[in-house]
Amino acid sequence: MKVFHKKAFKDFRKFGWRSILIILILILSIGGSLGFIYVLLAADPWIDSYFDNVNHADYVYQLEESTWINQSVLDGLSDQDEVEDYTGR
């Protein structure tokens, strides 16, 4: 294994200035990935509060000219037959 590492390091040094470019690209890639992860972690409380403040039961659907149903009623209906009985469709 030591021979493999020595040969790999020796071959890598042959690249000259390109070896520095390769290392720089690797560092920036890892840094960008970590930065993206930390941004998501920092934004997580804000994202959670945004979705907690959205009341999904407020959606109202128009079935016919004068028939309306809201999301909480639809959520309470457990199967397709109950939905058809309630909505008439």
N, C-alpha and C. Protein backbone atom coordinates (compact mmCIF):
# COMPACT_ATOMS: atom_id res chain seq x y z
N MET A 1 0.82 -1.19 0.00
CA MET A 1 0.00 0.00 0.00
C MET A 1 0.87 1.26 0.00
N LYS A 2 2.00 1.21 0.72
CA LYS A 2 2.89 2.36 0.76
C LYS A 2 3.43 2.66 -0.63
N VAL A 3 3.73 1.60 -1.38
CA VAL A 3 4.25 1.78 -2.73
C VAL A 3 3.20 2.46 -3.60
N PHE A 4 1.96 2.04 -3.43
CA PHE A 4 0.88 2.64 -4.21
C PHE A 4 0.74 4.13 -3.90
N HIS A 5 0.81 4.48 -2.61
CA HIS A 5 0.69 5.89 -2.22
C HIS A 5 1.87 6.71 -2.74
N LYS A 6 3.07 6.14 -2.65
CA LYS A 6 4.25 6.86 -3.14
C LYS A 6 4.13 7.10 -4.64
N LYS A 7 3.69 6.08 -5.38
CA LYS A 7 3.56 6.23 -6.83
C LYS A 7 2.46 7.23 -7.17
N ALA A 8 1.35 7.17 -6.44
CA ALA A 8 0.26 8.10 -6.70
C ALA A 8 0.70 9.54 -6.42
N PHE A 9 1.42 9.75 -5.33
CA PHE A 9 1.89 11.09 -5.00
C PHE A 9 2.90 11.58 -6.03
N LYS A 10 3.77 10.68 -6.46
CA LYS A 10 4.78 11.03 -7.47
C LYS A 10 4.11 11.41 -8.79
N ASP A 11 3.11 10.61 -9.20
CA ASP A 11 2.39 10.91 -10.44
C ASP A 11 1.62 12.22 -10.31
N PHE A 12 1.08 12.48 -9.14
CA PHE A 12 0.31 13.70 -8.93
C PHE A 12 1.22 14.93 -9.01
N ARG A 13 2.44 14.81 -8.53
CA ARG A 13 3.39 15.93 -8.59
C ARG A 13 3.79 16.22 -10.03
N LYS A 14 3.67 15.24 -10.92
CA LYS A 14 4.02 15.46 -12.33
C LYS A 14 3.05 16.43 -13.00
N PHE A 15 1.87 16.59 -12.44
CA PHE A 15 0.88 17.50 -13.04
C PHE A 15 1.31 18.95 -12.92
N GLY A 16 2.19 19.26 -11.99
CA GLY A 16 2.67 20.63 -11.83
C GLY A 16 1.57 21.53 -11.30
N TRP A 17 1.36 22.67 -11.99
CA TRP A 17 0.36 23.64 -11.54
C TRP A 17 -1.05 23.08 -11.62
N ARG A 18 -1.25 22.07 -12.46
CA ARG A 18 -2.59 21.47 -12.57
C ARG A 18 -2.96 20.71 -11.30
N SER A 19 -1.96 20.21 -10.58
CA SER A 19 -2.26 19.53 -9.31
C SER A 19 -2.86 20.50 -8.30
N ILE A 20 -2.35 21.73 -8.29
CA ILE A 20 -2.91 22.76 -7.41
C ILE A 20 -4.34 23.07 -7.81
N LEU A 21 -4.59 23.13 -9.11
CA LEU A 21 -5.94 23.39 -9.61
C LEU A 21 -6.89 22.26 -9.20
N ILE A 22 -6.43 21.02 -9.30
CA ILE A 22 -7.27 19.88 -8.91
C ILE A 22 -7.60 19.96 -7.42
N ILE A 23 -6.60 20.25 -6.59
CA ILE A 23 -6.83 20.36 -5.15
C ILE A 23 -7.77 21.51 -4.84
N LEU A 24 -7.60 22.63 -5.52
CA LEU A 24 -8.48 23.79 -5.31
C LEU A 24 -9.92 23.46 -5.68
N ILE A 25 -10.11 22.77 -6.78
CA ILE A 25 -11.47 22.39 -7.19
C ILE A 25 -12.09 21.44 -6.17
N LEU A 26 -11.31 20.49 -5.68
CA LEU A 26 -11.83 19.58 -4.65
C LEU A 26 -12.22 20.33 -3.38
N ILE A 27 -11.37 21.24 -2.95
CA ILE A 27 -11.67 22.02 -1.74
C ILE A 27 -12.93 22.87 -1.93
N LEU A 28 -13.04 23.52 -3.09
CA LEU A 28 -14.22 24.35 -3.34
C LEU A 28 -15.49 23.49 -3.44
N SER A 29 -15.37 22.31 -4.01
CA SER A 29 -16.53 21.42 -4.11
C SER A 29 -17.01 20.99 -2.73
N ILE A 30 -16.06 20.58 -1.90
CA ILE A 30 -16.43 20.15 -0.55
C ILE A 30 -16.97 21.34 0.25
N GLY A 31 -16.33 22.49 0.12
CA GLY A 31 -16.80 23.69 0.82
C GLY A 31 -18.17 24.12 0.36
N GLY A 32 -18.42 24.04 -0.93
CA GLY A 32 -19.74 24.40 -1.44
C GLY A 32 -20.81 23.46 -0.95
N SER A 33 -20.49 22.17 -0.90
CA SER A 33 -21.46 21.19 -0.40
C SER A 33 -21.76 21.43 1.07
N LEU A 34 -20.71 21.65 1.85
CA LEU A 34 -20.93 21.91 3.28
C LEU A 34 -21.67 23.22 3.48
N GLY A 35 -21.35 24.23 2.68
CA GLY A 35 -22.05 25.50 2.78
C GLY A 35 -23.53 25.35 2.48
N PHE A 36 -23.85 24.58 1.47
CA PHE A 36 -25.25 24.35 1.11
C PHE A 36 -25.98 23.63 2.24
N ILE A 37 -25.33 22.64 2.82
CA ILE A 37 -25.94 21.90 3.93
C ILE A 37 -26.18 22.83 5.12
N TYR A 38 -25.18 23.66 5.46
CA TYR A 38 -25.33 24.56 6.60
C TYR A 38 -26.38 25.63 6.34
N VAL A 39 -26.52 26.07 5.10
CA VAL A 39 -27.59 27.03 4.78
C VAL A 39 -28.95 26.39 4.99
N LEU A 40 -29.09 25.14 4.55
CA LEU A 40 -30.36 24.45 4.76
C LEU A 40 -30.65 24.25 6.25
N LEU A 41 -29.62 23.90 7.01
CA LEU A 41 -29.82 23.72 8.45
C LEU A 41 -30.18 25.04 9.13
N ALA A 42 -29.55 26.12 8.69
CA ALA A 42 -29.86 27.43 9.28
C ALA A 42 -31.26 27.89 8.90
N ALA A 43 -31.71 27.53 7.71
CA ALA A 43 -33.03 27.95 7.24
C ALA A 43 -34.14 27.02 7.72
N ASP A 44 -33.79 25.90 8.32
CA ASP A 44 -34.80 24.91 8.72
C ASP A 44 -35.86 25.48 9.67
N PRO A 45 -35.51 26.23 10.71
CA PRO A 45 -36.57 26.79 11.56
C PRO A 45 -37.50 27.74 10.81
N TRP A 46 -36.94 28.52 9.90
CA TRP A 46 -37.77 29.44 9.12
C TRP A 46 -38.71 28.66 8.21
N ILE A 47 -38.20 27.61 7.58
CA ILE A 47 -39.03 26.80 6.69
C ILE A 47 -40.13 26.12 7.49
N ASP A 48 -39.79 25.57 8.66
CA ASP A 48 -40.80 24.93 9.50
C ASP A 48 -41.87 25.91 9.93
N SER A 49 -41.47 27.10 10.34
CA SER A 49 -42.47 28.08 10.77
C SER A 49 -43.35 28.52 9.62
N TYR A 50 -42.78 28.60 8.42
CA TYR A 50 -43.59 28.97 7.26
C TYR A 50 -44.67 27.92 7.00
N PHE A 51 -44.28 26.65 7.00
CA PHE A 51 -45.26 25.61 6.71
C PHE A 51 -46.22 25.38 7.88
N ASP A 52 -45.80 25.69 9.11
CA ASP A 52 -46.72 25.58 10.24
C ASP A 52 -47.77 26.68 10.19
N ASN A 53 -47.43 27.84 9.65
CA ASN A 53 -48.37 28.95 9.59
C ASN A 53 -49.37 28.81 8.45
N VAL A 54 -49.11 27.92 7.51
CA VAL A 54 -50.05 27.71 6.41
C VAL A 54 -51.14 26.77 6.90
N ASN A 55 -52.36 27.25 6.89
CA ASN A 55 -53.48 26.43 7.33
C ASN A 55 -54.05 25.72 6.11
N HIS A 56 -53.73 24.44 6.00
CA HIS A 56 -54.14 23.70 4.81
C HIS A 56 -55.64 23.43 4.79
N ALA A 57 -56.31 23.59 5.93
CA ALA A 57 -57.75 23.34 5.98
C ALA A 57 -58.54 24.53 5.45
N ASP A 58 -57.88 25.61 5.08
CA ASP A 58 -58.59 26.79 4.59
C ASP A 58 -58.96 26.69 3.11
N TYR A 59 -58.44 25.70 2.42
CA TYR A 59 -58.75 25.59 1.00
C TYR A 59 -60.22 25.21 0.82
N VAL A 60 -60.90 25.91 -0.08
CA VAL A 60 -62.32 25.66 -0.34
C VAL A 60 -62.47 25.38 -1.83
N TYR A 61 -63.21 24.32 -2.14
CA TYR A 61 -63.40 23.92 -3.53
C TYR A 61 -64.86 24.08 -3.91
N GLN A 62 -65.10 24.55 -5.13
CA GLN A 62 -66.47 24.69 -5.62
C GLN A 62 -66.82 23.44 -6.41
N LEU A 63 -67.88 22.75 -5.94
CA LEU A 63 -68.31 21.53 -6.61
C LEU A 63 -69.32 21.83 -7.70
N GLU A 64 -70.25 22.71 -7.39
CA GLU A 64 -71.27 23.12 -8.36
C GLU A 64 -71.48 24.61 -8.19
N GLU A 65 -72.54 25.13 -8.79
CA GLU A 65 -72.81 26.56 -8.73
C GLU A 65 -72.93 27.05 -7.29
N SER A 66 -73.63 26.29 -6.45
CA SER A 66 -73.85 26.75 -5.08
C SER A 66 -73.32 25.76 -4.04
N THR A 67 -72.54 24.79 -4.45
CA THR A 67 -72.02 23.78 -3.52
C THR A 67 -70.52 23.95 -3.34
N TRP A 68 -70.12 24.10 -2.10
CA TRP A 68 -68.70 24.28 -1.77
C TRP A 68 -68.30 23.26 -0.72
N ILE A 69 -67.03 22.88 -0.71
CA ILE A 69 -66.50 21.96 0.30
C ILE A 69 -65.09 22.42 0.67
N ASN A 70 -64.79 22.37 1.96
CA ASN A 70 -63.44 22.78 2.36
C ASN A 70 -62.56 21.56 2.60
N GLN A 71 -61.27 21.80 2.75
CA GLN A 71 -60.31 20.71 2.84
C GLN A 71 -60.49 19.88 4.10
N SER A 72 -60.89 20.50 5.20
CA SER A 72 -61.05 19.74 6.44
C SER A 72 -62.19 18.74 6.33
N VAL A 73 -63.26 19.08 5.60
CA VAL A 73 -64.35 18.13 5.39
C VAL A 73 -63.88 16.99 4.50
N LEU A 74 -63.13 17.33 3.45
CA LEU A 74 -62.60 16.27 2.58
C LEU A 74 -61.66 15.35 3.34
N ASP A 75 -60.87 15.89 4.24
CA ASP A 75 -59.96 15.06 5.03
C ASP A 75 -60.73 14.14 5.97
N GLY A 76 -61.92 14.55 6.40
CA GLY A 76 -62.71 13.74 7.30
C GLY A 76 -63.42 12.59 6.61
N LEU A 77 -63.57 12.66 5.30
CA LEU A 77 -64.22 11.58 4.56
C LEU A 77 -63.18 10.49 4.30
N SER A 78 -63.53 9.26 4.71
CA SER A 78 -62.49 8.23 4.74
C SER A 78 -62.38 7.39 3.47
N ASP A 79 -63.42 7.32 2.68
CA ASP A 79 -63.28 6.52 1.46
C ASP A 79 -64.03 7.17 0.30
N GLN A 80 -63.89 6.59 -0.86
CA GLN A 80 -64.45 7.16 -2.09
C GLN A 80 -65.97 7.22 -2.04
N ASP A 81 -66.61 6.23 -1.41
CA ASP A 81 -68.08 6.21 -1.33
C ASP A 81 -68.60 7.40 -0.52
N GLU A 82 -67.94 7.71 0.58
CA GLU A 82 -68.36 8.86 1.39
C GLU A 82 -68.19 10.16 0.62
N VAL A 83 -67.12 10.27 -0.14
CA VAL A 83 -66.90 11.47 -0.95
C VAL A 83 -68.00 11.60 -2.00
N GLU A 84 -68.34 10.50 -2.66
CA GLU A 84 -69.40 10.54 -3.68
C GLU A 84 -70.75 10.87 -3.06
N ASP A 85 -71.05 10.32 -1.88
CA ASP A 85 -72.32 10.63 -1.21
C ASP A 85 -72.38 12.11 -0.82
N TYR A 86 -71.28 12.65 -0.34
CA TYR A 86 -71.26 14.04 0.12
C TYR A 86 -71.31 15.01 -1.04
N THR A 87 -70.55 14.72 -2.08
CA THR A 87 -70.44 15.67 -3.18
C THR A 87 -71.45 15.43 -4.28
N GLY A 88 -72.02 14.24 -4.35
CA GLY A 88 -72.96 13.95 -5.42
C GLY A 88 -72.28 13.64 -6.74
N ARG A 89 -71.01 13.37 -6.72
CA ARG A 89 -70.28 13.05 -7.95
C ARG A 89 -69.82 11.62 -7.93
